[in-house]
Amino acid sequence: MGDVIVSVYEPEQLEKLQSIELDMLKVVDAFCREHEITYVLIAGTALGAARHQGFIPWDDDIDIAMMRDDFERFCALFESNPPGGFSLHTHNNTQHFPYMFAKVYREGTRFMAQECIDSGLESCIYLDVYPFDYVDPALSREEAQALIDKAMFWQRMLYMGSTPHPAVPPTDAHRRVKLAVGFLGHYVTKALLSEKWLQQKFDDVIARLSKGGSSSSSSLVACPQDETCVLVRDLLPPSSMKFEDGEFPGPHDPDAFLASIFGDWRQLPPEGKRKTHAPVILDFGDL
């Protein structure tokens, strides 16, 4: 099928998108099992598994995470020998990639958010893969949080440099201000700061955050894209969680993990705050 302009999903669009993403998760799960790579469902995917035993009804992506060593091994192996119809993308191998994590693409599809169109990044339907890090045991939780906040400042600057049209929910109370700041900030950032420099600043903060951290010495794991850290014992070793028609690795203590990210995760958010990533252009290709 050809490109479809999307702002709000039609039910059949979202159902098909979720079906493709579930198949992607199964492929990635099989790849990780084959190569003995440990991962867990996180963010809205873990929340969906715990609350709905599958996708949050309005959700439109899959999120998994790995500790840094497994993440780097996964990226190297998947990039060099991906399953048929798939590819892996990071800022190391993809020009104008405004994220400090990896995306697995379903080749032959298109999922074009505004920042992708603005930056010239050709994006497919994707699965997000996040690196987590053991926190330096010498750091207090407050010190670790301050470093996470600093790292995410550089991530936001990288994102801002990719588009003058930041994704701000229509229900956001400060939407007009954020849109104006994003518009002006884009041109300032793009003129003064290179993508490589911003990526290095992010990496430098993460290196400080994780210096001396390990599975044996750390009590905390940094989850930068969730803007927090969690207890190692709440995340690892993985438990088994039902998600749609399969069982996948999830946080060791889903209740404690989700509470640290979402607070009262059992409560459905009001309709106006049910976030999606609906793209400008969606094309399922031949799928």
C-alpha atoms as a PDB file:
ATOM      1  CA  MET A   1       0.000   0.000   0.000  1.00  0.00           C
ATOM      2  CA  GLY A   2       1.086   3.610  -0.431  1.00  0.00           C
ATOM      3  CA  ASP A   3       1.884   6.250   2.164  1.00  0.00           C
ATOM      4  CA  VAL A   4      -0.964   7.136   4.508  1.00  0.00           C
ATOM      5  CA  ILE A   5      -1.010  10.452   6.374  1.00  0.00           C
ATOM      6  CA  VAL A   6      -1.677   9.652  10.033  1.00  0.00           C
ATOM      7  CA  SER A   7      -2.575  11.887  12.960  1.00  0.00           C
ATOM      8  CA  VAL A   8      -4.889   9.559  14.866  1.00  0.00           C
ATOM      9  CA  TYR A   9      -4.912   5.834  14.140  1.00  0.00           C
ATOM     10  CA  GLU A  10      -7.911   4.136  12.632  1.00  0.00           C
ATOM     11  CA  PRO A  11      -8.643   0.973  14.675  1.00  0.00           C
ATOM     12  CA  GLU A  12      -7.560  -1.329  11.840  1.00  0.00           C
ATOM     13  CA  GLN A  13      -4.303   0.618  11.409  1.00  0.00           C
ATOM     14  CA  LEU A  14      -3.378   0.286  15.069  1.00  0.00           C
ATOM     15  CA  GLU A  15      -4.341  -3.389  15.118  1.00  0.00           C
ATOM     16  CA  LYS A  16      -2.106  -4.120  12.124  1.00  0.00           C
ATOM     17  CA  LEU A  17       0.745  -2.036  13.538  1.00  0.00           C
ATOM     18  CA  GLN A  18       0.588  -3.901  16.846  1.00  0.00           C
ATOM     19  CA  SER A  19       0.521  -7.241  15.009  1.00  0.00           C
ATOM     20  CA  ILE A  20       3.687  -6.333  13.082  1.00  0.00           C
ATOM     21  CA  GLU A  21       5.398  -5.123  16.247  1.00  0.00           C
ATOM     22  CA  LEU A  22       4.492  -8.317  18.099  1.00  0.00           C
ATOM     23  CA  ASP A  23       6.069 -10.344  15.290  1.00  0.00           C
ATOM     24  CA  MET A  24       9.157  -8.122  15.579  1.00  0.00           C
ATOM     25  CA  LEU A  25       9.367  -8.827  19.315  1.00  0.00           C
ATOM     26  CA  LYS A  26       9.210 -12.561  18.634  1.00  0.00           C
ATOM     27  CA  VAL A  27      12.056 -12.287  16.113  1.00  0.00           C
ATOM     28  CA  VAL A  28      14.201 -10.247  18.527  1.00  0.00           C
ATOM     29  CA  ASP A  29      13.368 -12.641  21.367  1.00  0.00           C
ATOM     30  CA  ALA A  30      14.493 -15.624  19.280  1.00  0.00           C
ATOM     31  CA  PHE A  31      17.687 -13.780  18.314  1.00  0.00           C
ATOM     32  CA  CYS A  32      18.481 -12.977  21.952  1.00  0.00           C
ATOM     33  CA  ARG A  33      17.835 -16.553  23.046  1.00  0.00           C
ATOM     34  CA  GLU A  34      20.079 -17.882  20.278  1.00  0.00           C
ATOM     35  CA  HIS A  35      22.925 -15.592  21.347  1.00  0.00           C
ATOM     36  CA  GLU A  36      22.269 -15.816  25.111  1.00  0.00           C
ATOM     37  CA  ILE A  37      21.542 -12.098  25.433  1.00  0.00           C
ATOM     38  CA  THR A  38      19.481 -11.044  28.449  1.00  0.00           C
ATOM     39  CA  TYR A  39      16.780  -8.436  27.905  1.00  0.00           C
ATOM     40  CA  VAL A  40      13.573  -7.313  29.613  1.00  0.00           C
ATOM     41  CA  LEU A  41      10.331  -5.661  28.566  1.00  0.00           C
ATOM     42  CA  ILE A  42      10.229  -2.106  29.890  1.00  0.00           C
ATOM     43  CA  ALA A  43       8.210   1.130  29.767  1.00  0.00           C
ATOM     44  CA  GLY A  44       4.759   0.841  28.189  1.00  0.00           C
ATOM     45  CA  THR A  45       5.424  -2.722  27.018  1.00  0.00           C
ATOM     46  CA  ALA A  46       6.062  -3.954  30.570  1.00  0.00           C
ATOM     47  CA  LEU A  47       3.098  -1.896  31.776  1.00  0.00           C
ATOM     48  CA  GLY A  48       0.914  -3.438  29.085  1.00  0.00           C
ATOM     49  CA  ALA A  49       2.057  -6.932  30.019  1.00  0.00           C
ATOM     50  CA  ALA A  50       1.282  -6.376  33.707  1.00  0.00           C
ATOM     51  CA  ARG A  51      -2.019  -4.508  33.293  1.00  0.00           C
ATOM     52  CA  HIS A  52      -3.424  -5.866  30.017  1.00  0.00           C
ATOM     53  CA  GLN A  53      -1.395  -9.044  29.360  1.00  0.00           C
ATOM     54  CA  GLY A  54      -0.470  -7.446  26.057  1.00  0.00           C
ATOM     55  CA  PHE A  55      -0.441  -4.056  24.388  1.00  0.00           C
ATOM     56  CA  ILE A  56      -1.878  -1.083  26.204  1.00  0.00           C
ATOM     57  CA  PRO A  57      -4.950  -0.648  23.972  1.00  0.00           C
ATOM     58  CA  TRP A  58      -3.715   2.641  22.466  1.00  0.00           C
ATOM     59  CA  ASP A  59       0.029   1.857  22.484  1.00  0.00           C
ATOM     60  CA  ASP A  60       1.946   1.711  19.221  1.00  0.00           C
ATOM     61  CA  ASP A  61       5.490   0.600  19.990  1.00  0.00           C
ATOM     62  CA  ILE A  62       7.584  -2.064  21.742  1.00  0.00           C
ATOM     63  CA  ASP A  63      10.260  -1.203  24.307  1.00  0.00           C
ATOM     64  CA  ILE A  64      12.947  -3.558  25.596  1.00  0.00           C
ATOM     65  CA  ALA A  65      16.170  -2.935  27.525  1.00  0.00           C
ATOM     66  CA  MET A  66      19.514  -4.638  28.100  1.00  0.00           C
ATOM     67  CA  MET A  67      22.428  -3.991  30.388  1.00  0.00           C
ATOM     68  CA  ARG A  68      25.232  -2.202  28.564  1.00  0.00           C
ATOM     69  CA  ASP A  69      27.412  -5.259  27.808  1.00  0.00           C
ATOM     70  CA  ASP A  70      24.478  -7.178  26.345  1.00  0.00           C
ATOM     71  CA  PHE A  71      23.308  -4.078  24.469  1.00  0.00           C
ATOM     72  CA  GLU A  72      26.669  -3.606  22.766  1.00  0.00           C
ATOM     73  CA  ARG A  73      26.890  -7.310  21.889  1.00  0.00           C
ATOM     74  CA  PHE A  74      23.307  -7.298  20.583  1.00  0.00           C
ATOM     75  CA  CYS A  75      23.966  -4.272  18.393  1.00  0.00           C
ATOM     76  CA  ALA A  76      27.156  -5.747  16.943  1.00  0.00           C
ATOM     77  CA  LEU A  77      25.586  -9.132  16.211  1.00  0.00           C
ATOM     78  CA  PHE A  78      22.259  -7.834  14.898  1.00  0.00           C
ATOM     79  CA  GLU A  79      23.885  -5.206  12.698  1.00  0.00           C
ATOM     80  CA  SER A  80      26.314  -7.686  11.139  1.00  0.00           C
ATOM     81  CA  ASN A  81      23.854 -10.558  10.665  1.00  0.00           C
ATOM     82  CA  PRO A  82      20.233  -9.387  11.015  1.00  0.00           C
ATOM     83  CA  PRO A  83      17.266 -11.713  10.506  1.00  0.00           C
ATOM     84  CA  GLY A  84      15.755 -11.364   7.053  1.00  0.00           C
ATOM     85  CA  GLY A  85      13.714  -8.202   6.631  1.00  0.00           C
ATOM     86  CA  PHE A  86      15.231  -6.467   9.654  1.00  0.00           C
ATOM     87  CA  SER A  87      18.010  -3.971  10.340  1.00  0.00           C
ATOM     88  CA  LEU A  88      19.470  -2.227  13.377  1.00  0.00           C
ATOM     89  CA  HIS A  89      20.043   1.522  13.658  1.00  0.00           C
ATOM     90  CA  THR A  90      22.017   3.670  16.102  1.00  0.00           C
ATOM     91  CA  HIS A  91      23.747   7.028  15.930  1.00  0.00           C
ATOM     92  CA  ASN A  92      26.916   5.093  15.045  1.00  0.00           C
ATOM     93  CA  ASN A  93      25.574   3.675  11.775  1.00  0.00           C
ATOM     94  CA  THR A  94      22.705   5.980  10.752  1.00  0.00           C
ATOM     95  CA  GLN A  95      23.040   9.616   9.742  1.00  0.00           C
ATOM     96  CA  HIS A  96      20.837  12.150  11.572  1.00  0.00           C
ATOM     97  CA  PHE A  97      19.699   9.556  14.136  1.00  0.00           C
ATOM     98  CA  PRO A  98      18.482  11.727  17.054  1.00  0.00           C
ATOM     99  CA  TYR A  99      18.302   9.030  19.734  1.00  0.00           C
ATOM    100  CA  MET A 100      20.827   7.622  22.211  1.00  0.00           C
ATOM    101  CA  PHE A 101      19.472   4.084  21.979  1.00  0.00           C
ATOM    102  CA  ALA A 102      18.920   1.561  19.186  1.00  0.00           C
ATOM    103  CA  LYS A 103      15.978   0.834  16.933  1.00  0.00           C
ATOM    104  CA  VAL A 104      15.285  -2.405  15.103  1.00  0.00           C
ATOM    105  CA  TYR A 105      13.585  -1.583  11.795  1.00  0.00           C
ATOM    106  CA  ARG A 106      11.126  -3.707   9.824  1.00  0.00           C
ATOM    107  CA  GLU A 107      12.487  -3.130   6.353  1.00  0.00           C
ATOM    108  CA  GLY A 108      10.050  -2.314   3.549  1.00  0.00           C
ATOM    109  CA  THR A 109       7.807  -0.236   5.816  1.00  0.00           C
ATOM    110  CA  ARG A 110       7.731   3.484   6.634  1.00  0.00           C
ATOM    111  CA  PHE A 111       6.956   5.117   9.978  1.00  0.00           C
ATOM    112  CA  MET A 112       7.814   8.768   9.529  1.00  0.00           C
ATOM    113  CA  ALA A 113       7.432  11.041  12.536  1.00  0.00           C
ATOM    114  CA  GLN A 114       7.883  14.772  11.984  1.00  0.00           C
ATOM    115  CA  GLU A 115      11.443  14.761  13.372  1.00  0.00           C
ATOM    116  CA  CYS A 116      12.386  12.052  10.849  1.00  0.00           C
ATOM    117  CA  ILE A 117      10.969  14.067   7.956  1.00  0.00           C
ATOM    118  CA  ASP A 118      12.681  17.246   9.182  1.00  0.00           C
ATOM    119  CA  SER A 119      16.090  15.627   9.661  1.00  0.00           C
ATOM    120  CA  GLY A 120      16.051  13.436   6.558  1.00  0.00           C
ATOM    121  CA  LEU A 121      15.993  10.186   8.538  1.00  0.00           C
ATOM    122  CA  GLU A 122      14.188   7.388   6.665  1.00  0.00           C
ATOM    123  CA  SER A 123      12.430   5.486   9.457  1.00  0.00           C
ATOM    124  CA  CYS A 124      10.601   2.173   9.375  1.00  0.00           C
ATOM    125  CA  ILE A 125       8.203   0.524  11.814  1.00  0.00           C
ATOM    126  CA  TYR A 126      10.508  -0.085  14.750  1.00  0.00           C
ATOM    127  CA  LEU A 127      11.218  -1.755  18.069  1.00  0.00           C
ATOM    128  CA  ASP A 128      13.172   0.300  20.623  1.00  0.00           C
ATOM    129  CA  VAL A 129      16.201  -1.220  22.390  1.00  0.00           C
ATOM    130  CA  TYR A 130      17.521   0.738  25.389  1.00  0.00           C
ATOM    131  CA  PRO A 131      20.866   0.363  27.157  1.00  0.00           C
ATOM    132  CA  PHE A 132      20.752   0.304  30.960  1.00  0.00           C
ATOM    133  CA  ASP A 133      23.821   0.811  33.148  1.00  0.00           C
ATOM    134  CA  TYR A 134      24.847  -0.309  36.612  1.00  0.00           C
ATOM    135  CA  VAL A 135      25.293   2.824  38.719  1.00  0.00           C
ATOM    136  CA  ASP A 136      28.623   3.650  40.347  1.00  0.00           C
ATOM    137  CA  PRO A 137      28.179   2.337  43.932  1.00  0.00           C
ATOM    138  CA  ALA A 138      29.941   5.453  45.255  1.00  0.00           C
ATOM    139  CA  LEU A 139      27.025   7.612  44.062  1.00  0.00           C
ATOM    140  CA  SER A 140      23.953   8.290  46.148  1.00  0.00           C
ATOM    141  CA  ARG A 141      20.576   7.939  44.498  1.00  0.00           C
ATOM    142  CA  GLU A 142      20.303  11.727  44.382  1.00  0.00           C
ATOM    143  CA  GLU A 143      23.705  12.049  42.703  1.00  0.00           C
ATOM    144  CA  ALA A 144      22.782   9.345  40.194  1.00  0.00           C
ATOM    145  CA  GLN A 145      19.512  11.119  39.424  1.00  0.00           C
ATOM    146  CA  ALA A 146      21.334  14.398  38.854  1.00  0.00           C
ATOM    147  CA  LEU A 147      23.590  12.713  36.291  1.00  0.00           C
ATOM    148  CA  ILE A 148      20.602  11.096  34.579  1.00  0.00           C
ATOM    149  CA  ASP A 149      18.963  14.511  34.337  1.00  0.00           C
ATOM    150  CA  LYS A 150      22.161  15.920  32.836  1.00  0.00           C
ATOM    151  CA  ALA A 151      22.408  13.102  30.281  1.00  0.00           C
ATOM    152  CA  MET A 152      18.806  13.632  29.244  1.00  0.00           C
ATOM    153  CA  PHE A 153      19.467  17.336  28.779  1.00  0.00           C
ATOM    154  CA  TRP A 154      21.956  16.402  26.045  1.00  0.00           C
ATOM    155  CA  GLN A 155      19.494  13.866  24.579  1.00  0.00           C
ATOM    156  CA  ARG A 156      16.861  16.611  24.355  1.00  0.00           C
ATOM    157  CA  MET A 157      19.337  18.956  22.733  1.00  0.00           C
ATOM    158  CA  LEU A 158      20.128  16.268  20.146  1.00  0.00           C
ATOM    159  CA  TYR A 159      16.427  15.769  19.486  1.00  0.00           C
ATOM    160  CA  MET A 160      15.836  19.531  19.332  1.00  0.00           C
ATOM    161  CA  GLY A 161      18.546  19.843  16.712  1.00  0.00           C
ATOM    162  CA  SER A 162      16.724  17.346  14.502  1.00  0.00           C
ATOM    163  CA  THR A 163      13.411  19.179  14.171  1.00  0.00           C
ATOM    164  CA  PRO A 164      11.831  22.615  14.589  1.00  0.00           C
ATOM    165  CA  HIS A 165       8.541  20.820  15.298  1.00  0.00           C
ATOM    166  CA  PRO A 166       8.888  19.019  18.674  1.00  0.00           C
ATOM    167  CA  ALA A 167       6.270  16.429  19.576  1.00  0.00           C
ATOM    168  CA  VAL A 168       4.178  18.108  22.275  1.00  0.00           C
ATOM    169  CA  PRO A 169       0.839  16.499  23.223  1.00  0.00           C
ATOM    170  CA  PRO A 170      -2.155  18.697  22.323  1.00  0.00           C
ATOM    171  CA  THR A 171      -3.338  18.488  25.949  1.00  0.00           C
ATOM    172  CA  ASP A 172      -0.076  19.880  27.363  1.00  0.00           C
ATOM    173  CA  ALA A 173      -0.833  23.010  29.407  1.00  0.00           C
ATOM    174  CA  HIS A 174       2.311  24.737  28.123  1.00  0.00           C
ATOM    175  CA  ARG A 175       2.116  23.468  24.551  1.00  0.00           C
ATOM    176  CA  ARG A 176       2.442  26.843  22.810  1.00  0.00           C
ATOM    177  CA  VAL A 177       5.460  27.826  24.880  1.00  0.00           C
ATOM    178  CA  LYS A 178       7.151  24.452  24.315  1.00  0.00           C
ATOM    179  CA  LEU A 179       6.502  24.621  20.584  1.00  0.00           C
ATOM    180  CA  ALA A 180       7.972  28.128  20.411  1.00  0.00           C
ATOM    181  CA  VAL A 181      11.023  27.158  22.467  1.00  0.00           C
ATOM    182  CA  GLY A 182      11.515  24.051  20.348  1.00  0.00           C
ATOM    183  CA  PHE A 183      11.254  26.034  17.111  1.00  0.00           C
ATOM    184  CA  LEU A 184      13.802  28.643  18.164  1.00  0.00           C
ATOM    185  CA  GLY A 185      16.013  26.114  19.961  1.00  0.00           C
ATOM    186  CA  HIS A 186      16.250  23.987  16.839  1.00  0.00           C
ATOM    187  CA  TYR A 187      17.915  26.675  14.772  1.00  0.00           C
ATOM    188  CA  VAL A 188      20.244  27.759  17.589  1.00  0.00           C
ATOM    189  CA  THR A 189      21.271  24.159  18.326  1.00  0.00           C
ATOM    190  CA  LYS A 190      21.714  23.268  14.666  1.00  0.00           C
ATOM    191  CA  ALA A 191      23.845  26.353  14.044  1.00  0.00           C
ATOM    192  CA  LEU A 192      26.123  26.002  17.074  1.00  0.00           C
ATOM    193  CA  LEU A 193      26.293  22.332  18.122  1.00  0.00           C
ATOM    194  CA  SER A 194      27.109  19.263  16.042  1.00  0.00           C
ATOM    195  CA  GLU A 195      25.303  15.943  16.427  1.00  0.00           C
ATOM    196  CA  LYS A 196      28.602  14.215  17.225  1.00  0.00           C
ATOM    197  CA  TRP A 197      29.407  16.715  19.970  1.00  0.00           C
ATOM    198  CA  LEU A 198      25.994  16.273  21.600  1.00  0.00           C
ATOM    199  CA  GLN A 199      26.248  12.493  21.382  1.00  0.00           C
ATOM    200  CA  GLN A 200      29.675  12.616  23.027  1.00  0.00           C
ATOM    201  CA  LYS A 201      28.388  14.832  25.840  1.00  0.00           C
ATOM    202  CA  PHE A 202      25.639  12.311  26.554  1.00  0.00           C
ATOM    203  CA  ASP A 203      28.125   9.414  26.474  1.00  0.00           C
ATOM    204  CA  ASP A 204      30.507  11.246  28.815  1.00  0.00           C
ATOM    205  CA  VAL A 205      27.799  11.666  31.446  1.00  0.00           C
ATOM    206  CA  ILE A 206      26.760   8.018  31.189  1.00  0.00           C
ATOM    207  CA  ALA A 207      30.414   6.970  31.555  1.00  0.00           C
ATOM    208  CA  ARG A 208      30.640   8.976  34.788  1.00  0.00           C
ATOM    209  CA  LEU A 209      27.329   7.579  36.027  1.00  0.00           C
ATOM    210  CA  SER A 210      28.387   3.973  35.481  1.00  0.00           C
ATOM    211  CA  LYS A 211      32.082   4.188  36.431  1.00  0.00           C
ATOM    212  CA  GLY A 212      32.803   1.290  38.790  1.00  0.00           C
ATOM    213  CA  GLY A 213      29.283  -0.075  38.448  1.00  0.00           C
ATOM    214  CA  SER A 214      28.724  -3.812  38.116  1.00  0.00           C
ATOM    215  CA  SER A 215      26.227  -6.561  38.820  1.00  0.00           C
ATOM    216  CA  SER A 216      28.115  -7.459  41.999  1.00  0.00           C
ATOM    217  CA  SER A 217      28.737  -3.966  43.395  1.00  0.00           C
ATOM    218  CA  SER A 218      25.770  -1.824  42.343  1.00  0.00           C
ATOM    219  CA  SER A 219      22.382  -1.560  44.001  1.00  0.00           C
ATOM    220  CA  LEU A 220      20.960   0.718  41.288  1.00  0.00           C
ATOM    221  CA  VAL A 221      20.444   0.525  37.541  1.00  0.00           C
ATOM    222  CA  ALA A 222      20.228   3.733  35.525  1.00  0.00           C
ATOM    223  CA  CYS A 223      17.310   3.975  33.088  1.00  0.00           C
ATOM    224  CA  PRO A 224      18.084   7.330  31.422  1.00  0.00           C
ATOM    225  CA  GLN A 225      15.264   7.390  28.866  1.00  0.00           C
ATOM    226  CA  ASP A 226      12.806   6.786  31.720  1.00  0.00           C
ATOM    227  CA  GLU A 227      14.621   9.601  33.561  1.00  0.00           C
ATOM    228  CA  THR A 228      15.177   7.554  36.700  1.00  0.00           C
ATOM    229  CA  CYS A 229      17.072   4.705  38.295  1.00  0.00           C
ATOM    230  CA  VAL A 230      15.671   1.499  39.778  1.00  0.00           C
ATOM    231  CA  LEU A 231      16.878  -1.117  42.214  1.00  0.00           C
ATOM    232  CA  VAL A 232      18.832  -3.937  40.596  1.00  0.00           C
ATOM    233  CA  ARG A 233      16.730  -6.445  42.515  1.00  0.00           C
ATOM    234  CA  ASP A 234      13.536  -5.053  40.955  1.00  0.00           C
ATOM    235  CA  LEU A 235      14.893  -5.485  37.424  1.00  0.00           C
ATOM    236  CA  LEU A 236      17.086  -8.591  37.430  1.00  0.00           C
ATOM    237  CA  PRO A 237      17.069 -11.503  36.985  1.00  0.00           C
ATOM    238  CA  PRO A 238      14.139 -11.345  34.547  1.00  0.00           C
ATOM    239  CA  SER A 239      10.758 -12.849  35.299  1.00  0.00           C
ATOM    240  CA  SER A 240       8.400 -14.284  32.685  1.00  0.00           C
ATOM    241  CA  MET A 241       5.501 -12.065  31.593  1.00  0.00           C
ATOM    242  CA  LYS A 242       2.561 -12.855  29.355  1.00  0.00           C
ATOM    243  CA  PHE A 243       2.327 -10.464  26.418  1.00  0.00           C
ATOM    244  CA  GLU A 244      -0.405 -11.151  23.872  1.00  0.00           C
ATOM    245  CA  ASP A 245       0.054 -14.782  22.773  1.00  0.00           C
ATOM    246  CA  GLY A 246       3.595 -15.230  24.120  1.00  0.00           C
ATOM    247  CA  GLU A 247       5.770 -15.214  27.229  1.00  0.00           C
ATOM    248  CA  PHE A 248       8.701 -12.789  27.345  1.00  0.00           C
ATOM    249  CA  PRO A 249      11.292 -11.663  29.910  1.00  0.00           C
ATOM    250  CA  GLY A 250      10.110  -8.851  32.138  1.00  0.00           C
ATOM    251  CA  PRO A 251      11.377  -7.065  35.258  1.00  0.00           C
ATOM    252  CA  HIS A 252      12.098  -9.357  38.190  1.00  0.00           C
ATOM    253  CA  ASP A 253       9.515  -7.550  40.337  1.00  0.00           C
ATOM    254  CA  PRO A 254       7.108  -5.962  37.846  1.00  0.00           C
ATOM    255  CA  ASP A 255       5.055  -4.236  40.538  1.00  0.00           C
ATOM    256  CA  ALA A 256       8.046  -2.495  42.148  1.00  0.00           C
ATOM    257  CA  PHE A 257       9.685  -1.696  38.801  1.00  0.00           C
ATOM    258  CA  LEU A 258       6.537  -0.181  37.299  1.00  0.00           C
ATOM    259  CA  ALA A 259       5.772   1.781  40.475  1.00  0.00           C
ATOM    260  CA  SER A 260       9.236   3.362  40.297  1.00  0.00           C
ATOM    261  CA  ILE A 261       8.581   4.460  36.699  1.00  0.00           C
ATOM    262  CA  PHE A 262       4.847   5.227  36.628  1.00  0.00           C
ATOM    263  CA  GLY A 263       3.671   5.510  40.240  1.00  0.00           C
ATOM    264  CA  ASP A 264       0.154   4.056  40.413  1.00  0.00           C
ATOM    265  CA  TRP A 265       0.531   2.004  37.243  1.00  0.00           C
ATOM    266  CA  ARG A 266      -2.739   0.085  37.715  1.00  0.00           C
ATOM    267  CA  GLN A 267      -4.783   3.259  37.201  1.00  0.00           C
ATOM    268  CA  LEU A 268      -5.689   4.068  33.600  1.00  0.00           C
ATOM    269  CA  PRO A 269      -4.702   7.615  32.573  1.00  0.00           C
ATOM    270  CA  PRO A 270      -7.456   9.961  31.396  1.00  0.00           C
ATOM    271  CA  GLU A 271      -8.127   9.816  27.662  1.00  0.00           C
ATOM    272  CA  GLY A 272      -6.418  13.161  27.044  1.00  0.00           C
ATOM    273  CA  LYS A 273      -3.116  11.814  28.380  1.00  0.00           C
ATOM    274  CA  ARG A 274      -3.024   8.520  26.479  1.00  0.00           C
ATOM    275  CA  LYS A 275       0.142   9.088  24.485  1.00  0.00           C
ATOM    276  CA  THR A 276       0.876   7.530  21.106  1.00  0.00           C
ATOM    277  CA  HIS A 277       3.669   7.968  18.555  1.00  0.00           C
ATOM    278  CA  ALA A 278       1.291   8.354  15.606  1.00  0.00           C
ATOM    279  CA  PRO A 279       3.487   9.287  12.625  1.00  0.00           C
ATOM    280  CA  VAL A 280       2.894  11.716   9.785  1.00  0.00           C
ATOM    281  CA  ILE A 281       3.404   8.906   7.242  1.00  0.00           C
ATOM    282  CA  LEU A 282       2.643   5.210   7.813  1.00  0.00           C
ATOM    283  CA  ASP A 283       3.231   2.591   5.127  1.00  0.00           C
ATOM    284  CA  PHE A 284       2.958  -1.139   5.837  1.00  0.00           C
ATOM    285  CA  GLY A 285       4.652  -2.050   2.568  1.00  0.00           C
ATOM    286  CA  ASP A 286       3.848  -5.598   1.510  1.00  0.00           C
ATOM    287  CA  LEU A 287       3.119  -6.854   5.052  1.00  0.00           C
END
